[in-house]
Structures are given as C-alpha cells and as structure tokens.
Amino acid sequence: MPLVQSIETLLHRGQRQGGVRKGVDPVQLYVSVLSLSYVHLSNKHTLSITFGQDLTNAAWLAKRRKHVREMILGYLTG
C-alpha cells in the first residue's frame, strides 16, 4: 500500500535522524491523526452547541491544530 509505505519511509527517516521513537505502527498513526483532525469537523454543529463554543471559529481551529500537533509530536518523540 503506497500510503502505508510513505508513512513508514517518513518514520524510518525520523528514526535514523534520532527524532522519532521506534515501534510506531504507521496504520495506527494514520488513524490517530485522521481521528484527531476530523471528528471535530464532522460534528462541529453538535459539539459547538454542547460546549457553547463555535468550533468553526478561526481562532478555535488554530488552537485545535496546535493541540493536535503537540499530541502527535509528543507521541512520536516520547
């Protein structure tokens, strides 16, 4: 599968450079990134009402991107 191979290539490169930990499953990583990046969009109306915040607001989305980036990088470098 080209997608999995591309992710594996990136992971191996990061491991060789010392920035990515070993043992990261490329499929699990992809599903995690997808989940963290999609659920708030697919449920933006319901979640906006539930939390009393506009999840389509540019500032909220910027904070979301930062949060997701920190979570994924923390996992990869942990």
C-alpha atoms as a PDB file:
ATOM      1  CA  MET A   1       0.000   0.000   0.000  1.00  0.00           C
ATOM      2  CA  PRO A   2       1.566   3.282  -1.098  1.00  0.00           C
ATOM      3  CA  LEU A   3       0.166   5.333   1.815  1.00  0.00           C
ATOM      4  CA  VAL A   4       1.493   2.944   4.451  1.00  0.00           C
ATOM      5  CA  GLN A   5       4.845   2.744   2.668  1.00  0.00           C
ATOM      6  CA  SER A   6       5.099   6.541   2.566  1.00  0.00           C
ATOM      7  CA  ILE A   7       4.384   6.806   6.284  1.00  0.00           C
ATOM      8  CA  GLU A   8       6.903   4.034   7.010  1.00  0.00           C
ATOM      9  CA  THR A   9       9.521   5.861   4.970  1.00  0.00           C
ATOM     10  CA  LEU A  10       8.935   9.063   6.952  1.00  0.00           C
ATOM     11  CA  LEU A  11       9.024   7.195  10.261  1.00  0.00           C
ATOM     12  CA  HIS A  12      12.275   5.415   9.362  1.00  0.00           C
ATOM     13  CA  ARG A  13      13.852   8.693   8.284  1.00  0.00           C
ATOM     14  CA  GLY A  14      12.846  10.270  11.590  1.00  0.00           C
ATOM     15  CA  GLN A  15      14.240   7.295  13.494  1.00  0.00           C
ATOM     16  CA  ARG A  16      17.562   7.481  11.650  1.00  0.00           C
ATOM     17  CA  GLN A  17      17.787  11.188  12.488  1.00  0.00           C
ATOM     18  CA  GLY A  18      17.002  10.433  16.127  1.00  0.00           C
ATOM     19  CA  GLY A  19      13.769  12.387  16.352  1.00  0.00           C
ATOM     20  CA  VAL A  20      11.178   9.609  16.163  1.00  0.00           C
ATOM     21  CA  ARG A  21      10.895   6.689  18.548  1.00  0.00           C
ATOM     22  CA  LYS A  22      10.938   3.121  17.266  1.00  0.00           C
ATOM     23  CA  GLY A  23       7.892   0.882  17.157  1.00  0.00           C
ATOM     24  CA  VAL A  24       5.364   3.329  15.728  1.00  0.00           C
ATOM     25  CA  ASP A  25       2.719   1.483  13.700  1.00  0.00           C
ATOM     26  CA  PRO A  26       2.073   3.530  10.531  1.00  0.00           C
ATOM     27  CA  VAL A  27      -1.580   2.479  10.247  1.00  0.00           C
ATOM     28  CA  GLN A  28      -2.318   3.279  13.896  1.00  0.00           C
ATOM     29  CA  LEU A  29      -0.563   6.623  13.491  1.00  0.00           C
ATOM     30  CA  TYR A  30      -2.583   7.490  10.400  1.00  0.00           C
ATOM     31  CA  VAL A  31      -5.897   6.551  12.011  1.00  0.00           C
ATOM     32  CA  SER A  32      -4.991   8.618  15.076  1.00  0.00           C
ATOM     33  CA  VAL A  33      -4.081  11.683  13.009  1.00  0.00           C
ATOM     34  CA  LEU A  34      -7.248  11.269  10.967  1.00  0.00           C
ATOM     35  CA  SER A  35      -9.390  10.950  14.088  1.00  0.00           C
ATOM     36  CA  LEU A  36      -7.831  13.940  15.814  1.00  0.00           C
ATOM     37  CA  SER A  37      -8.207  16.018  12.669  1.00  0.00           C
ATOM     38  CA  TYR A  38     -11.705  15.020  11.566  1.00  0.00           C
ATOM     39  CA  VAL A  39     -14.090  14.343  14.441  1.00  0.00           C
ATOM     40  CA  HIS A  40     -14.398  17.994  15.479  1.00  0.00           C
ATOM     41  CA  LEU A  41     -15.197  18.925  11.874  1.00  0.00           C
ATOM     42  CA  SER A  42     -17.725  16.195  11.212  1.00  0.00           C
ATOM     43  CA  ASN A  43     -19.515  17.031  14.478  1.00  0.00           C
ATOM     44  CA  LYS A  44     -18.901  20.793  14.526  1.00  0.00           C
ATOM     45  CA  HIS A  45     -22.540  21.777  14.953  1.00  0.00           C
ATOM     46  CA  THR A  46     -23.328  19.330  17.752  1.00  0.00           C
ATOM     47  CA  LEU A  47     -20.040  19.969  19.549  1.00  0.00           C
ATOM     48  CA  SER A  48     -20.443  23.740  19.212  1.00  0.00           C
ATOM     49  CA  ILE A  49     -23.805  23.525  20.975  1.00  0.00           C
ATOM     50  CA  THR A  50     -22.571  21.008  23.538  1.00  0.00           C
ATOM     51  CA  PHE A  51     -19.555  23.100  24.561  1.00  0.00           C
ATOM     52  CA  GLY A  52     -21.011  26.553  23.894  1.00  0.00           C
ATOM     53  CA  GLN A  53     -18.144  27.387  21.556  1.00  0.00           C
ATOM     54  CA  ASP A  54     -18.062  27.950  17.816  1.00  0.00           C
ATOM     55  CA  LEU A  55     -15.852  25.135  16.574  1.00  0.00           C
ATOM     56  CA  THR A  56     -15.721  26.776  13.135  1.00  0.00           C
ATOM     57  CA  ASN A  57     -14.089  29.919  14.553  1.00  0.00           C
ATOM     58  CA  ALA A  58     -10.627  30.552  13.078  1.00  0.00           C
ATOM     59  CA  ALA A  59      -9.038  31.098  16.492  1.00  0.00           C
ATOM     60  CA  TRP A  60     -10.543  27.868  17.864  1.00  0.00           C
ATOM     61  CA  LEU A  61      -9.358  25.936  14.809  1.00  0.00           C
ATOM     62  CA  ALA A  62      -5.826  27.346  15.207  1.00  0.00           C
ATOM     63  CA  LYS A  63      -5.784  26.187  18.846  1.00  0.00           C
ATOM     64  CA  ARG A  64      -7.052  22.777  17.714  1.00  0.00           C
ATOM     65  CA  ARG A  65      -4.265  22.444  15.124  1.00  0.00           C
ATOM     66  CA  LYS A  66      -1.676  23.349  17.773  1.00  0.00           C
ATOM     67  CA  HIS A  67      -3.139  20.842  20.229  1.00  0.00           C
ATOM     68  CA  VAL A  68      -3.199  18.006  17.668  1.00  0.00           C
ATOM     69  CA  ARG A  69       0.338  18.790  16.537  1.00  0.00           C
ATOM     70  CA  GLU A  70       1.571  18.698  20.142  1.00  0.00           C
ATOM     71  CA  MET A  71      -0.199  15.398  20.824  1.00  0.00           C
ATOM     72  CA  ILE A  72       1.170  13.667  17.722  1.00  0.00           C
ATOM     73  CA  LEU A  73       4.693  15.004  18.157  1.00  0.00           C
ATOM     74  CA  GLY A  74       4.634  14.033  21.826  1.00  0.00           C
ATOM     75  CA  TYR A  75       3.678  10.505  20.827  1.00  0.00           C
ATOM     76  CA  LEU A  76       6.284  10.270  18.071  1.00  0.00           C
ATOM     77  CA  THR A  77       9.130  11.655  20.139  1.00  0.00           C
ATOM     78  CA  GLY A  78       8.080  10.213  23.527  1.00  0.00           C
END
